[in-house]
C-alpha atoms as a PDB file:
ATOM      1  CA  MET A   1     -43.638  21.233 -12.848  1.00  0.00           C
ATOM      2  CA  ASN A   2     -44.868  24.416 -11.180  1.00  0.00           C
ATOM      3  CA  THR A   3     -42.389  24.637  -8.314  1.00  0.00           C
ATOM      4  CA  LYS A   4     -43.631  28.054  -7.210  1.00  0.00           C
ATOM      5  CA  ILE A   5     -46.997  26.741  -6.048  1.00  0.00           C
ATOM      6  CA  ILE A   6     -45.378  23.594  -4.607  1.00  0.00           C
ATOM      7  CA  LEU A   7     -42.910  25.564  -2.492  1.00  0.00           C
ATOM      8  CA  ALA A   8     -45.571  28.095  -1.477  1.00  0.00           C
ATOM      9  CA  PHE A   9     -47.739  25.252  -0.188  1.00  0.00           C
ATOM     10  CA  LEU A  10     -44.786  23.733   1.679  1.00  0.00           C
ATOM     11  CA  LYS A  11     -44.065  27.056   3.367  1.00  0.00           C
ATOM     12  CA  ASN A  12     -47.677  27.199   4.493  1.00  0.00           C
ATOM     13  CA  ILE A  13     -47.729  23.638   5.790  1.00  0.00           C
ATOM     14  CA  ALA A  14     -44.539  24.314   7.753  1.00  0.00           C
ATOM     15  CA  ALA A  15     -46.308  27.208   9.476  1.00  0.00           C
ATOM     16  CA  ASN A  16     -49.635  25.381   9.888  1.00  0.00           C
ATOM     17  CA  ASN A  17     -48.735  21.744  10.408  1.00  0.00           C
ATOM     18  CA  ASN A  18     -52.022  20.496  11.796  1.00  0.00           C
ATOM     19  CA  ARG A  19     -54.932  18.436  10.529  1.00  0.00           C
ATOM     20  CA  GLU A  20     -57.475  21.249  10.665  1.00  0.00           C
ATOM     21  CA  TRP A  21     -55.478  23.504   8.341  1.00  0.00           C
ATOM     22  CA  PHE A  22     -54.624  20.632   6.028  1.00  0.00           C
ATOM     23  CA  GLN A  23     -58.243  19.543   5.634  1.00  0.00           C
ATOM     24  CA  GLU A  24     -59.250  23.114   4.791  1.00  0.00           C
ATOM     25  CA  HIS A  25     -56.531  23.220   2.126  1.00  0.00           C
ATOM     26  CA  LYS A  26     -56.877  19.664   0.808  1.00  0.00           C
ATOM     27  CA  PRO A  27     -57.753  20.787  -2.760  1.00  0.00           C
ATOM     28  CA  GLU A  28     -54.576  22.879  -2.810  1.00  0.00           C
ATOM     29  CA  TYR A  29     -52.575  19.876  -1.642  1.00  0.00           C
ATOM     30  CA  GLU A  30     -54.035  17.713  -4.406  1.00  0.00           C
ATOM     31  CA  THR A  31     -53.029  20.341  -6.970  1.00  0.00           C
ATOM     32  CA  VAL A  32     -49.414  20.576  -5.797  1.00  0.00           C
ATOM     33  CA  ARG A  33     -49.152  16.800  -5.430  1.00  0.00           C
ATOM     34  CA  LYS A  34     -50.137  16.363  -9.066  1.00  0.00           C
ATOM     35  CA  GLU A  35     -47.639  19.052 -10.077  1.00  0.00           C
ATOM     36  CA  PHE A  36     -44.855  17.248  -8.230  1.00  0.00           C
ATOM     37  CA  GLU A  37     -45.829  13.889  -9.690  1.00  0.00           C
ATOM     38  CA  ALA A  38     -45.722  15.386 -13.182  1.00  0.00           C
ATOM     39  CA  GLY A  39     -42.174  16.525 -12.429  1.00  0.00           C
ATOM     40  CA  VAL A  40     -41.228  13.054 -11.185  1.00  0.00           C
ATOM     41  CA  GLU A  41     -42.548  11.538 -14.397  1.00  0.00           C
ATOM     42  CA  GLU A  42     -40.383  13.967 -16.373  1.00  0.00           C
ATOM     43  CA  ALA A  43     -37.380  13.069 -14.204  1.00  0.00           C
ATOM     44  CA  ILE A  44     -37.864   9.335 -14.836  1.00  0.00           C
ATOM     45  CA  THR A  45     -38.062   9.897 -18.582  1.00  0.00           C
ATOM     46  CA  THR A  46     -35.007  12.160 -18.489  1.00  0.00           C
ATOM     47  CA  LEU A  47     -32.842   9.817 -16.420  1.00  0.00           C
ATOM     48  CA  THR A  48     -33.802   6.799 -18.538  1.00  0.00           C
ATOM     49  CA  ALA A  49     -31.535   8.297 -21.214  1.00  0.00           C
ATOM     50  CA  ILE A  50     -28.500   7.410 -19.071  1.00  0.00           C
ATOM     51  CA  ASP A  51     -29.965   4.512 -17.071  1.00  0.00           C
ATOM     52  CA  SER A  52     -32.222   2.122 -18.959  1.00  0.00           C
ATOM     53  CA  GLU A  53     -32.792   0.055 -15.798  1.00  0.00           C
ATOM     54  CA  ILE A  54     -35.293   2.620 -14.501  1.00  0.00           C
ATOM     55  CA  ALA A  55     -37.361   2.802 -17.703  1.00  0.00           C
ATOM     56  CA  HIS A  56     -40.124   0.600 -16.271  1.00  0.00           C
ATOM     57  CA  LEU A  57     -40.778   2.805 -13.244  1.00  0.00           C
ATOM     58  CA  LYS A  58     -44.052   4.591 -12.612  1.00  0.00           C
ATOM     59  CA  VAL A  59     -44.448   7.669 -10.448  1.00  0.00           C
ATOM     60  CA  LYS A  60     -46.087   5.613  -7.694  1.00  0.00           C
ATOM     61  CA  ASP A  61     -42.923   3.475  -7.488  1.00  0.00           C
ATOM     62  CA  CYS A  62     -40.872   6.527  -6.550  1.00  0.00           C
ATOM     63  CA  THR A  63     -42.960   8.831  -4.361  1.00  0.00           C
ATOM     64  CA  TYR A  64     -43.729   8.777  -0.651  1.00  0.00           C
ATOM     65  CA  ARG A  65     -46.742   9.449   1.540  1.00  0.00           C
ATOM     66  CA  PHE A  66     -47.033  13.063   2.653  1.00  0.00           C
ATOM     67  CA  TYR A  67     -48.174  11.912   6.075  1.00  0.00           C
ATOM     68  CA  ARG A  68     -45.406  11.512   8.645  1.00  0.00           C
ATOM     69  CA  ASP A  69     -44.921   8.440  10.832  1.00  0.00           C
ATOM     70  CA  THR A  70     -44.822  10.077  14.270  1.00  0.00           C
ATOM     71  CA  ARG A  71     -44.800   6.928  16.405  1.00  0.00           C
ATOM     72  CA  PHE A  72     -41.136   7.132  17.345  1.00  0.00           C
ATOM     73  CA  SER A  73     -40.496  10.826  16.786  1.00  0.00           C
ATOM     74  CA  PRO A  74     -40.621  13.664  19.326  1.00  0.00           C
ATOM     75  CA  ASP A  75     -41.949  15.825  16.487  1.00  0.00           C
ATOM     76  CA  LYS A  76     -45.653  14.997  16.278  1.00  0.00           C
ATOM     77  CA  SER A  77     -46.343  17.203  13.248  1.00  0.00           C
ATOM     78  CA  PRO A  78     -48.612  15.084  11.048  1.00  0.00           C
ATOM     79  CA  TYR A  79     -47.284  16.221   7.659  1.00  0.00           C
ATOM     80  CA  LYS A  80     -43.942  16.423   5.915  1.00  0.00           C
ATOM     81  CA  ARG A  81     -42.422  19.749   4.945  1.00  0.00           C
ATOM     82  CA  HIS A  82     -41.078  18.504   1.632  1.00  0.00           C
ATOM     83  CA  PHE A  83     -41.840  16.402  -1.420  1.00  0.00           C
ATOM     84  CA  GLY A  84     -39.338  13.709  -2.320  1.00  0.00           C
ATOM     85  CA  ALA A  85     -38.972  10.983  -4.942  1.00  0.00           C
ATOM     86  CA  TYR A  86     -36.477   8.124  -5.042  1.00  0.00           C
ATOM     87  CA  ILE A  87     -36.022   6.903  -8.602  1.00  0.00           C
ATOM     88  CA  CYS A  88     -34.543   3.453  -8.123  1.00  0.00           C
ATOM     89  CA  ALA A  89     -34.775   0.448 -10.445  1.00  0.00           C
ATOM     90  CA  LYS A  90     -35.994  -1.792  -7.602  1.00  0.00           C
ATOM     91  CA  GLY A  91     -38.385   0.733  -6.055  1.00  0.00           C
ATOM     92  CA  ARG A  92     -38.270   3.394  -3.383  1.00  0.00           C
ATOM     93  CA  LYS A  93     -37.842   0.888  -0.534  1.00  0.00           C
ATOM     94  CA  ALA A  94     -34.852  -0.868  -2.075  1.00  0.00           C
ATOM     95  CA  LEU A  95     -31.332  -0.749  -0.673  1.00  0.00           C
ATOM     96  CA  ARG A  96     -30.043  -0.318  -4.203  1.00  0.00           C
ATOM     97  CA  GLY A  97     -28.712   3.103  -5.110  1.00  0.00           C
ATOM     98  CA  GLY A  98     -30.855   5.449  -7.154  1.00  0.00           C
ATOM     99  CA  TYR A  99     -31.606   9.100  -7.869  1.00  0.00           C
ATOM    100  CA  TYR A 100     -33.409  11.328  -5.390  1.00  0.00           C
ATOM    101  CA  ILE A 101     -35.061  14.697  -5.947  1.00  0.00           C
ATOM    102  CA  HIS A 102     -36.177  16.784  -2.995  1.00  0.00           C
ATOM    103  CA  LEU A 103     -38.323  19.920  -2.973  1.00  0.00           C
ATOM    104  CA  GLU A 104     -38.327  21.979   0.214  1.00  0.00           C
ATOM    105  CA  PRO A 105     -38.095  25.768   0.600  1.00  0.00           C
ATOM    106  CA  ASN A 106     -34.391  26.712   0.782  1.00  0.00           C
ATOM    107  CA  ASN A 107     -33.404  23.027   0.882  1.00  0.00           C
ATOM    108  CA  CYS A 108     -34.034  21.690  -2.622  1.00  0.00           C
ATOM    109  CA  LEU A 109     -31.507  19.086  -3.738  1.00  0.00           C
ATOM    110  CA  VAL A 110     -30.585  16.260  -6.066  1.00  0.00           C
ATOM    111  CA  ALA A 111     -28.878  13.132  -4.747  1.00  0.00           C
ATOM    112  CA  VAL A 112     -27.360   9.981  -6.219  1.00  0.00           C
ATOM    113  CA  GLY A 113     -26.503   6.709  -4.478  1.00  0.00           C
ATOM    114  CA  SER A 114     -27.615   4.644  -1.498  1.00  0.00           C
ATOM    115  CA  TYR A 115     -27.993   5.359   2.213  1.00  0.00           C
ATOM    116  CA  TRP A 116     -28.489   3.620   5.569  1.00  0.00           C
ATOM    117  CA  LEU A 117     -27.079   0.323   4.379  1.00  0.00           C
ATOM    118  CA  PRO A 118     -27.012  -2.589   6.843  1.00  0.00           C
ATOM    119  CA  THR A 119     -23.639  -3.508   8.330  1.00  0.00           C
ATOM    120  CA  ASN A 120     -23.144  -6.682   6.312  1.00  0.00           C
ATOM    121  CA  ILE A 121     -23.648  -4.834   3.021  1.00  0.00           C
ATOM    122  CA  LEU A 122     -21.460  -1.951   4.160  1.00  0.00           C
ATOM    123  CA  THR A 123     -18.709  -4.426   4.942  1.00  0.00           C
ATOM    124  CA  SER A 124     -18.958  -5.858   1.431  1.00  0.00           C
ATOM    125  CA  CYS A 125     -18.928  -2.350  -0.065  1.00  0.00           C
ATOM    126  CA  ARG A 126     -15.792  -1.511   1.905  1.00  0.00           C
ATOM    127  CA  ASN A 127     -14.105  -4.691   0.761  1.00  0.00           C
ATOM    128  CA  GLU A 128     -15.039  -3.847  -2.820  1.00  0.00           C
ATOM    129  CA  ILE A 129     -13.488  -0.403  -2.474  1.00  0.00           C
ATOM    130  CA  MET A 130     -10.266  -1.818  -1.024  1.00  0.00           C
ATOM    131  CA  ALA A 131     -10.047  -4.460  -3.732  1.00  0.00           C
ATOM    132  CA  ASN A 132     -10.550  -1.850  -6.469  1.00  0.00           C
ATOM    133  CA  ILE A 133      -9.138   1.262  -4.838  1.00  0.00           C
ATOM    134  CA  ASP A 134      -7.582   2.633  -8.039  1.00  0.00           C
ATOM    135  CA  GLN A 135     -10.894   2.430  -9.876  1.00  0.00           C
ATOM    136  CA  TRP A 136     -12.749   3.929  -6.891  1.00  0.00           C
ATOM    137  CA  ARG A 137     -10.319   6.830  -6.546  1.00  0.00           C
ATOM    138  CA  LYS A 138     -10.510   7.541 -10.257  1.00  0.00           C
ATOM    139  CA  ILE A 139     -14.268   7.996  -9.838  1.00  0.00           C
ATOM    140  CA  VAL A 140     -14.597   9.908  -6.555  1.00  0.00           C
ATOM    141  CA  GLU A 141     -11.386  11.934  -6.811  1.00  0.00           C
ATOM    142  CA  ASP A 142     -12.220  13.124 -10.289  1.00  0.00           C
ATOM    143  CA  GLY A 143     -12.292  16.910 -10.506  1.00  0.00           C
ATOM    144  CA  LYS A 144     -15.905  17.072 -11.663  1.00  0.00           C
ATOM    145  CA  PHE A 145     -17.092  14.724  -8.912  1.00  0.00           C
ATOM    146  CA  ILE A 146     -15.334  16.753  -6.220  1.00  0.00           C
ATOM    147  CA  LYS A 147     -16.565  20.051  -7.654  1.00  0.00           C
ATOM    148  CA  THR A 148     -20.137  18.748  -7.673  1.00  0.00           C
ATOM    149  CA  PHE A 149     -20.284  16.711  -4.445  1.00  0.00           C
ATOM    150  CA  GLY A 150     -17.148  17.493  -2.448  1.00  0.00           C
ATOM    151  CA  TYR A 151     -14.987  15.229  -0.327  1.00  0.00           C
ATOM    152  CA  PRO A 152     -16.170  12.276   1.813  1.00  0.00           C
ATOM    153  CA  ASN A 153     -17.831  13.102   5.107  1.00  0.00           C
ATOM    154  CA  ASP A 154     -17.503  16.894   4.735  1.00  0.00           C
ATOM    155  CA  GLY A 155     -21.182  17.619   4.078  1.00  0.00           C
ATOM    156  CA  GLN A 156     -24.241  17.783   6.301  1.00  0.00           C
ATOM    157  CA  TRP A 157     -27.804  16.721   5.556  1.00  0.00           C
ATOM    158  CA  GLU A 158     -30.195  17.076   8.441  1.00  0.00           C
ATOM    159  CA  ASP A 159     -33.615  18.641   8.930  1.00  0.00           C
ATOM    160  CA  ASN A 160     -33.351  22.356   8.122  1.00  0.00           C
ATOM    161  CA  ALA A 161     -29.568  22.034   7.672  1.00  0.00           C
ATOM    162  CA  VAL A 162     -28.326  20.893   4.280  1.00  0.00           C
ATOM    163  CA  SER A 163     -24.851  21.786   3.040  1.00  0.00           C
ATOM    164  CA  GLU A 164     -24.325  23.007  -0.509  1.00  0.00           C
ATOM    165  CA  LYS A 165     -22.880  19.614  -1.447  1.00  0.00           C
ATOM    166  CA  GLY A 166     -21.928  16.369   0.218  1.00  0.00           C
ATOM    167  CA  PHE A 167     -20.565  12.864  -0.167  1.00  0.00           C
ATOM    168  CA  GLY A 168     -21.676  10.626   2.699  1.00  0.00           C
ATOM    169  CA  LEU A 169     -24.473  11.321   5.198  1.00  0.00           C
ATOM    170  CA  ALA A 170     -22.641   9.854   8.186  1.00  0.00           C
ATOM    171  CA  ALA A 171     -19.291   8.345   9.063  1.00  0.00           C
ATOM    172  CA  LEU A 172     -17.634   6.305  11.778  1.00  0.00           C
ATOM    173  CA  LYS A 173     -15.048   8.090  13.920  1.00  0.00           C
ATOM    174  CA  THR A 174     -12.596   5.227  13.502  1.00  0.00           C
ATOM    175  CA  ILE A 175     -11.852   2.450  11.011  1.00  0.00           C
ATOM    176  CA  PRO A 176     -14.565  -0.253  11.137  1.00  0.00           C
ATOM    177  CA  LYS A 177     -13.714  -3.463  12.912  1.00  0.00           C
ATOM    178  CA  GLY A 178     -11.817  -5.966  10.801  1.00  0.00           C
ATOM    179  CA  PHE A 179     -10.161  -3.410   8.519  1.00  0.00           C
ATOM    180  CA  PRO A 180      -6.513  -2.276   8.717  1.00  0.00           C
ATOM    181  CA  ARG A 181      -6.086   0.683  11.061  1.00  0.00           C
ATOM    182  CA  ASP A 182      -3.337   2.184   8.955  1.00  0.00           C
ATOM    183  CA  TYR A 183      -5.154   1.987   5.623  1.00  0.00           C
ATOM    184  CA  GLU A 184      -4.093   4.916   3.454  1.00  0.00           C
ATOM    185  CA  PHE A 185      -7.593   5.716   2.226  1.00  0.00           C
ATOM    186  CA  ALA A 186      -9.434   5.226   5.492  1.00  0.00           C
ATOM    187  CA  GLN A 187     -11.913   8.041   4.753  1.00  0.00           C
ATOM    188  CA  TYR A 188     -13.745   5.756   2.303  1.00  0.00           C
ATOM    189  CA  LEU A 189     -14.024   2.903   4.793  1.00  0.00           C
ATOM    190  CA  ARG A 190     -15.423   5.098   7.567  1.00  0.00           C
ATOM    191  CA  MET A 191     -18.399   6.085   5.424  1.00  0.00           C
ATOM    192  CA  LYS A 192     -21.728   4.637   6.586  1.00  0.00           C
ATOM    193  CA  ASP A 193     -23.397   5.212   3.229  1.00  0.00           C
ATOM    194  CA  TYR A 194     -22.482   5.980  -0.356  1.00  0.00           C
ATOM    195  CA  CYS A 195     -24.762   8.875  -1.191  1.00  0.00           C
ATOM    196  CA  CYS A 196     -23.731  12.140  -2.828  1.00  0.00           C
ATOM    197  CA  TRP A 197     -25.832  15.259  -3.236  1.00  0.00           C
ATOM    198  CA  VAL A 198     -25.880  18.844  -4.372  1.00  0.00           C
ATOM    199  CA  LYS A 199     -28.167  21.566  -3.102  1.00  0.00           C
ATOM    200  CA  VAL A 200     -29.979  23.421  -5.875  1.00  0.00           C
ATOM    201  CA  PRO A 201     -31.808  26.784  -5.973  1.00  0.00           C
ATOM    202  CA  ASP A 202     -35.540  26.850  -5.299  1.00  0.00           C
ATOM    203  CA  ASN A 203     -36.114  27.713  -8.965  1.00  0.00           C
ATOM    204  CA  PHE A 204     -33.961  24.806 -10.217  1.00  0.00           C
ATOM    205  CA  PHE A 205     -36.931  22.725 -11.408  1.00  0.00           C
ATOM    206  CA  GLU A 206     -38.650  25.575 -13.286  1.00  0.00           C
ATOM    207  CA  GLY A 207     -38.830  25.646 -17.075  1.00  0.00           C
ATOM    208  CA  ASN A 208     -37.152  22.915 -19.131  1.00  0.00           C
ATOM    209  CA  LYS A 209     -33.420  23.413 -18.596  1.00  0.00           C
ATOM    210  CA  TRP A 210     -33.523  21.602 -15.239  1.00  0.00           C
ATOM    211  CA  LYS A 211     -33.642  18.276 -17.057  1.00  0.00           C
ATOM    212  CA  GLU A 212     -30.282  18.937 -18.695  1.00  0.00           C
ATOM    213  CA  LYS A 213     -28.820  19.925 -15.334  1.00  0.00           C
ATOM    214  CA  LEU A 214     -30.314  16.848 -13.676  1.00  0.00           C
ATOM    215  CA  ILE A 215     -28.649  14.635 -16.270  1.00  0.00           C
ATOM    216  CA  GLU A 216     -25.259  16.251 -15.610  1.00  0.00           C
ATOM    217  CA  ILE A 217     -25.543  15.736 -11.849  1.00  0.00           C
ATOM    218  CA  ALA A 218     -26.709  12.146 -12.287  1.00  0.00           C
ATOM    219  CA  LYS A 219     -23.961  11.310 -14.798  1.00  0.00           C
ATOM    220  CA  THR A 220     -21.345  12.626 -12.384  1.00  0.00           C
ATOM    221  CA  GLY A 221     -22.551  10.501  -9.481  1.00  0.00           C
ATOM    222  CA  LYS A 222     -23.611   7.385 -11.398  1.00  0.00           C
ATOM    223  CA  PRO A 223     -20.194   5.649 -11.695  1.00  0.00           C
ATOM    224  CA  MET A 224     -19.829   5.715  -7.900  1.00  0.00           C
ATOM    225  CA  MET A 225     -23.377   4.428  -7.491  1.00  0.00           C
ATOM    226  CA  ASP A 226     -22.870   1.698 -10.088  1.00  0.00           C
ATOM    227  CA  MET A 227     -19.789   0.393  -8.321  1.00  0.00           C
ATOM    228  CA  MET A 228     -21.687   0.086  -5.042  1.00  0.00           C
ATOM    229  CA  ASN A 229     -24.777  -1.353  -6.743  1.00  0.00           C
ATOM    230  CA  ASN A 230     -22.647  -4.195  -8.070  1.00  0.00           C
ATOM    231  CA  VAL A 231     -22.239  -5.200  -4.424  1.00  0.00           C
ATOM    232  CA  ILE A 232     -25.737  -4.354  -3.179  1.00  0.00           C
ATOM    233  CA  ASP A 233     -27.436  -6.303  -5.979  1.00  0.00           C
ATOM    234  CA  ASP A 234     -25.967  -9.529  -4.572  1.00  0.00           C
ATOM    235  CA  TYR A 235     -28.146  -9.020  -1.469  1.00  0.00           C
ATOM    236  CA  GLU A 236     -31.443  -8.108  -3.122  1.00  0.00           C
END
């Protein structure tokens, strides 16, 4: 995957996010799209070594349209400023946790897990954590997990503002309704998602060594994801 030309194109689209410029540079877009898709195919093959459930996936199952949905957004820019792929056994639109790779100048990252879960599933995930708190803590309080992703709710992932690492995109300010207010490990119940990520350098996906690094990140986050997927799978 030639990340240099991908990121160069993304820098240009960020500065010229309009249909006229895009149409003039459509051949360039097609080139970088194919480069990214080749990288996604490599990622699927690589991750299959630790997760056989994704072996059936094709690139089209994991990638998104480059065109933005501007209907409900104050930002009317027609095109995204990144390329992303969600490698999930049940497809990119599934609630099930998966692996996400994101290419954006100065904001490249790798993520593992699920996000924006509906309240009923979140409630079940929280109950699962409480019922198996020792197992959960062994996973997310492991030294390697913390070194890679950090502590719950300490990170930030917003447009143009991504922390170096993170565990949880958003959190409630208080304990969710129906759960004990004095619960010792309340930080895990306040989480509104179970996604962990690490920001990587812009040159992370160059050469061949990135696949080894991707495996290490994925292996570190997978036990947390698997525990939540055991709950989520009951709803899908």
